[in-house]
Amino acid sequence: MLLGFDHLIVAVNDIAEADRNYARAGFDVTHRPDAGPSETAIRIICFDDGSYLELFSFRDPGQPSKHRWATLVPRGEGWVDWSLYCDDVEAEAGKLKQHDLPHAGPRTGGKSLLDGRAWKVGVVDAGYGVGNPLMPFFIQDLAERQIRVPRPAGAPPQAGGAPGIAGVTQVTKDLAGSVNLLSKVLGPGQAVPARLRGASAAHLFPIAGGWMELVEAAEGELADHIAVHGEGVWEVTLGPRPATRPGDGALLPADLTHGARLRVAR
């Protein structure tokens, strides 16, 4: 079963600068104390509903990497991927296999913290580096979620008091083909009016009280985005589920969010 959004990833050039700027935008940014060497550096922004945003960078961008996001980072800062939280990655992998969709896994991942506690997850990759970039990857916690997503009681409220990720808007060149693909894992959804300038059509998929909005880019800023970044995440909306709808809330300044379109519904 899909339980909602797990996390969204923002590629940034300088992790320390991104930490400062997201704090200026009103977020409580966490430096999770993972132990051991890594070619990447991250910060996370944890929400009360258990979802989070991940600020991601390579420690040495000039060093060759086999990481599946390595080819995306040179395209510029901004959203690079999205994931869904589930209770059984084996079942999600089975669903992908049943529809003959490209995927990798399930595999087990995780790290230990400096204090010795370990977080552990099951993962199935179906998007970037594996299949269609509009597809998410799926995550199941195999250890206490609080270790991986530390959001202690009494933590400062996030920007605008946002309790979590309400929805994700993605852009595509081919709405009909992309709806056919995504409906195999998200259900049929429904056609909705195209609300964005430069969009010719749109489709909405409900996800555990939230939503994923898919829009077909015809011209303007949407088409320009695909030309540079390719199909994928265009905008993320924070707010309460299920009250928050596409287009709700205010867009945060792009210089503080490092090119990631981020909307907050209060």
Protein backbone atom coordinates (compact mmCIF):
# COMPACT_ATOMS: atom_id res chain seq x y z
CA MET A 1 0.00 0.00 0.00
CA LEU A 2 1.18 3.52 -0.81
CA LEU A 3 1.20 5.58 2.39
CA GLY A 4 2.07 9.00 0.95
CA PHE A 5 5.16 10.95 -0.02
CA ASP A 6 8.45 9.85 1.46
CA HIS A 7 10.79 12.61 0.29
CA LEU A 8 11.63 14.96 -2.57
CA ILE A 9 15.21 15.72 -3.60
CA VAL A 10 16.69 19.13 -4.46
CA ALA A 11 20.11 19.19 -6.13
CA VAL A 12 22.22 22.11 -4.92
CA ASN A 13 25.73 23.25 -5.75
CA ASP A 14 26.81 24.21 -2.21
CA ILE A 15 25.22 22.30 0.66
CA ALA A 16 26.25 24.82 3.33
CA GLU A 17 24.81 27.72 1.35
CA ALA A 18 21.59 25.78 0.73
CA ASP A 19 21.34 25.05 4.46
CA ARG A 20 21.56 28.78 5.22
CA ASN A 21 19.11 29.81 2.49
CA TYR A 22 16.43 27.27 3.41
CA ALA A 23 16.75 28.41 7.02
CA ARG A 24 16.23 31.99 5.81
CA ALA A 25 13.10 30.78 3.99
CA GLY A 26 11.73 29.60 7.34
CA PHE A 27 12.72 25.95 7.45
CA ASP A 28 14.22 23.99 10.32
CA VAL A 29 17.08 22.21 8.52
CA THR A 30 18.49 19.00 10.01
CA HIS A 31 22.05 17.70 9.56
CA ARG A 32 21.48 14.00 10.19
CA PRO A 33 24.70 12.63 11.70
CA ASP A 34 25.31 9.70 9.37
CA ALA A 35 28.57 7.88 10.01
CA GLY A 36 31.10 6.78 7.41
CA PRO A 37 32.46 8.26 4.17
CA SER A 38 30.16 9.39 1.36
CA GLU A 39 30.58 11.06 -2.02
CA THR A 40 27.45 13.09 -1.29
CA ALA A 41 26.39 15.64 1.31
CA ILE A 42 22.78 16.09 2.40
CA ARG A 43 20.57 18.11 4.70
CA ILE A 44 16.95 17.22 5.41
CA ILE A 45 13.83 19.21 6.22
CA CYS A 46 11.50 16.98 8.22
CA PHE A 47 7.76 17.52 8.48
CA ASP A 48 5.31 16.47 11.15
CA ASP A 49 3.61 13.96 8.82
CA GLY A 50 6.90 12.06 8.38
CA SER A 51 7.70 13.30 4.87
CA TYR A 52 10.78 15.41 4.17
CA LEU A 53 12.80 17.38 1.64
CA GLU A 54 16.39 16.38 0.95
CA LEU A 55 19.00 18.94 -0.07
CA PHE A 56 21.61 17.00 -2.04
CA SER A 57 25.05 17.76 -3.44
CA PHE A 58 28.22 15.96 -4.47
CA ARG A 59 31.20 16.71 -2.24
CA ASP A 60 33.47 16.85 -5.30
CA PRO A 61 31.38 17.67 -8.40
CA GLY A 62 34.44 17.21 -10.63
CA GLN A 63 34.89 13.60 -9.54
CA PRO A 64 33.32 10.97 -11.87
CA SER A 65 30.35 9.24 -10.24
CA LYS A 66 28.09 6.29 -10.98
CA HIS A 67 25.33 7.80 -8.85
CA ARG A 68 22.07 7.82 -10.81
CA TRP A 69 21.62 11.56 -10.24
CA ALA A 70 25.13 12.42 -11.46
CA THR A 71 23.94 13.32 -14.96
CA LEU A 72 21.14 15.53 -13.60
CA VAL A 73 23.20 17.82 -11.37
CA PRO A 74 25.08 19.53 -14.25
CA ARG A 75 21.71 20.65 -15.67
CA GLY A 76 21.35 23.08 -12.78
CA GLU A 77 19.97 23.30 -9.27
CA GLY A 78 16.40 22.24 -8.55
CA TRP A 79 14.24 19.15 -8.20
CA VAL A 80 15.79 15.90 -9.36
CA ASP A 81 13.60 13.08 -8.03
CA TRP A 82 10.65 12.05 -5.87
CA SER A 83 9.75 9.05 -3.77
CA LEU A 84 6.69 7.40 -2.29
CA TYR A 85 6.43 5.74 1.12
CA CYS A 86 4.97 2.24 1.16
CA ASP A 87 4.48 -0.65 3.56
CA ASP A 88 5.82 -3.36 1.21
CA VAL A 89 8.48 -2.75 -1.46
CA GLU A 90 8.15 -6.37 -2.57
CA ALA A 91 4.52 -5.69 -3.50
CA GLU A 92 5.45 -2.51 -5.38
CA ALA A 93 8.16 -4.40 -7.26
CA GLY A 94 5.60 -7.08 -8.09
CA LYS A 95 3.26 -4.47 -9.48
CA LEU A 96 6.02 -3.07 -11.70
CA LYS A 97 6.97 -6.56 -12.86
CA GLN A 98 3.35 -7.43 -13.61
CA HIS A 99 3.15 -4.44 -15.98
CA ASP A 100 6.61 -5.16 -17.44
CA LEU A 101 7.91 -1.79 -16.26
CA PRO A 102 11.67 -1.21 -15.82
CA HIS A 103 12.79 -1.27 -12.19
CA ALA A 104 15.71 -2.16 -9.96
CA GLY A 105 15.29 -3.90 -6.64
CA PRO A 106 14.01 -4.41 -4.11
CA ARG A 107 17.32 -3.66 -2.41
CA THR A 108 18.24 -2.81 1.14
CA GLY A 109 19.93 0.46 2.01
CA GLY A 110 20.76 2.42 5.11
CA LYS A 111 23.46 3.82 7.35
CA SER A 112 24.43 4.08 10.98
CA LEU A 113 24.39 7.34 12.89
CA LEU A 114 27.39 8.53 14.86
CA ASP A 115 25.66 7.35 18.04
CA GLY A 116 25.45 3.80 16.66
CA ARG A 117 21.74 3.69 15.85
CA ALA A 118 21.02 2.41 12.34
CA TRP A 119 18.31 3.27 9.87
CA LYS A 120 17.43 0.72 7.23
CA VAL A 121 15.13 0.88 4.20
CA GLY A 122 13.87 -1.27 1.37
CA VAL A 123 14.03 0.51 -1.99
CA VAL A 124 12.66 -0.08 -5.48
CA ASP A 125 13.93 2.26 -8.20
CA ALA A 126 11.66 2.88 -11.19
CA GLY A 127 12.52 6.41 -12.32
CA TYR A 128 15.79 8.21 -13.09
CA GLY A 129 18.59 5.91 -14.13
CA VAL A 130 16.26 2.94 -14.39
CA GLY A 131 13.01 3.80 -16.16
CA ASN A 132 10.89 6.82 -17.02
CA PRO A 133 11.93 10.01 -15.12
CA LEU A 134 8.29 10.70 -14.22
CA MET A 135 8.19 7.53 -12.14
CA PRO A 136 8.95 7.67 -8.40
CA PHE A 137 11.13 5.39 -6.38
CA PHE A 138 9.54 3.48 -3.51
CA ILE A 139 10.75 3.28 0.09
CA GLN A 140 9.77 1.09 3.03
CA ASP A 141 11.24 1.60 6.50
CA LEU A 142 12.87 -1.55 7.88
CA ALA A 143 13.86 0.15 11.15
CA GLU A 144 12.36 2.89 13.30
CA ARG A 145 11.48 5.78 10.97
CA GLN A 146 12.39 8.40 13.58
CA ILE A 147 16.06 7.47 13.16
CA ARG A 148 15.99 8.22 9.42
CA VAL A 149 13.57 11.15 9.64
CA PRO A 150 14.29 12.84 12.98
CA ARG A 151 11.44 15.19 13.84
CA PRO A 152 11.30 15.46 17.64
CA ALA A 153 8.22 16.66 19.47
CA GLY A 154 8.38 20.40 20.00
CA ALA A 155 10.63 21.01 16.97
CA PRO A 156 10.25 24.48 15.40
CA PRO A 157 7.43 24.72 12.83
CA GLN A 158 8.44 24.57 9.21
CA ALA A 159 7.86 27.49 6.81
CA GLY A 160 4.29 28.69 7.04
CA GLY A 161 3.54 25.94 9.57
CA ALA A 162 3.47 23.38 6.74
CA PRO A 163 2.78 19.90 8.18
CA GLY A 164 4.10 18.01 5.16
CA ILE A 165 4.16 17.43 1.42
CA ALA A 166 0.64 17.78 0.01
CA GLY A 167 1.34 17.41 -3.69
CA VAL A 168 3.80 17.28 -6.55
CA THR A 169 3.38 18.76 -10.02
CA GLN A 170 5.27 17.10 -12.87
CA VAL A 171 5.71 18.15 -16.50
CA THR A 172 5.64 15.88 -19.52
CA LYS A 173 5.79 16.13 -23.31
CA ASP A 174 3.18 13.40 -23.79
CA LEU A 175 0.28 13.46 -21.35
CA ALA A 176 -1.61 10.47 -22.76
CA GLY A 177 1.45 8.21 -22.75
CA SER A 178 2.55 9.36 -19.31
CA VAL A 179 -0.93 8.88 -17.82
CA ASN A 180 -1.00 5.36 -19.23
CA LEU A 181 2.37 4.65 -17.58
CA LEU A 182 1.72 6.21 -14.17
CA SER A 183 -1.80 4.80 -13.84
CA LYS A 184 -0.26 1.32 -13.63
CA VAL A 185 1.22 2.19 -10.23
CA LEU A 186 -0.94 5.10 -9.02
CA GLY A 187 -4.37 4.11 -10.30
CA PRO A 188 -6.36 5.87 -13.05
CA GLY A 189 -6.68 9.38 -11.60
CA GLN A 190 -8.74 11.86 -13.60
CA ALA A 191 -8.39 14.52 -16.26
CA VAL A 192 -8.52 18.07 -14.84
CA PRO A 193 -8.43 21.56 -16.38
CA ALA A 194 -4.94 22.79 -17.28
CA ARG A 195 -4.36 25.60 -14.75
CA LEU A 196 -0.75 26.47 -15.65
CA ARG A 197 0.18 28.90 -18.40
CA GLY A 198 1.83 26.97 -21.22
CA ALA A 199 0.08 23.69 -20.33
CA SER A 200 -2.23 22.09 -22.88
CA ALA A 201 -3.78 19.43 -20.62
CA ALA A 202 -3.53 18.01 -17.11
CA HIS A 203 -4.29 14.90 -15.06
CA LEU A 204 -4.54 14.42 -11.30
CA PHE A 205 -3.58 11.26 -9.38
CA PRO A 206 -4.70 10.97 -5.73
CA ILE A 207 -1.95 9.68 -3.40
CA ALA A 208 -2.95 8.85 0.19
CA GLY A 209 -4.80 12.10 0.77
CA GLY A 210 -2.33 14.08 -1.34
CA TRP A 211 -1.90 14.25 -5.10
CA MET A 212 0.42 14.19 -8.09
CA GLU A 213 -0.54 16.64 -10.83
CA LEU A 214 0.75 15.83 -14.33
CA VAL A 215 0.73 18.61 -16.93
CA GLU A 216 1.56 18.53 -20.62
CA ALA A 217 4.00 21.31 -21.51
CA ALA A 218 3.08 23.05 -24.76
CA GLU A 219 5.06 26.29 -24.62
CA GLY A 220 6.70 28.94 -22.48
CA GLU A 221 8.33 28.26 -19.13
CA LEU A 222 7.10 24.68 -18.91
CA ALA A 223 8.52 23.75 -22.31
CA ASP A 224 11.78 25.57 -21.48
CA HIS A 225 12.06 23.57 -18.27
CA ILE A 226 11.79 20.27 -20.15
CA ALA A 227 14.37 21.45 -22.69
CA VAL A 228 16.92 21.99 -19.89
CA HIS A 229 15.97 19.54 -17.14
CA GLY A 230 13.88 16.97 -18.96
CA GLU A 231 10.51 15.61 -17.86
CA GLY A 232 9.92 15.32 -14.13
CA VAL A 233 9.15 17.38 -11.05
CA TRP A 234 8.21 20.99 -11.73
CA GLU A 235 6.78 22.14 -8.40
CA VAL A 236 6.13 20.85 -4.88
CA THR A 237 3.29 22.08 -2.67
CA LEU A 238 3.53 21.93 1.12
CA GLY A 239 0.42 22.02 3.25
CA PRO A 240 -2.20 19.95 5.06
CA ARG A 241 -3.65 16.89 3.37
CA PRO A 242 -6.30 16.58 1.96
CA ALA A 243 -7.24 20.26 2.15
CA THR A 244 -4.41 21.53 -0.08
CA ARG A 245 -5.02 21.54 -3.83
CA PRO A 246 -2.79 22.29 -6.86
CA GLY A 247 -2.04 26.01 -7.07
CA ASP A 248 -2.75 26.69 -3.39
CA GLY A 249 -0.36 28.78 -1.35
CA ALA A 250 2.49 31.16 -2.06
CA LEU A 251 5.61 30.43 -4.06
CA LEU A 252 8.82 30.84 -2.07
CA PRO A 253 11.69 32.94 -3.55
CA ALA A 254 13.69 30.82 -6.00
CA ASP A 255 17.00 32.28 -4.79
CA LEU A 256 16.34 30.82 -1.33
CA THR A 257 15.11 27.44 -2.63
CA HIS A 258 17.95 27.03 -5.15
CA GLY A 259 15.73 26.81 -8.19
CA ALA A 260 13.25 24.34 -6.67
CA ARG A 261 9.71 25.68 -7.15
CA LEU A 262 8.23 25.31 -3.67
CA ARG A 263 4.75 26.47 -2.73
CA VAL A 264 3.47 26.73 0.85
CA ALA A 265 -0.25 26.60 1.64
CA ARG A 266 -0.83 28.02 5.12
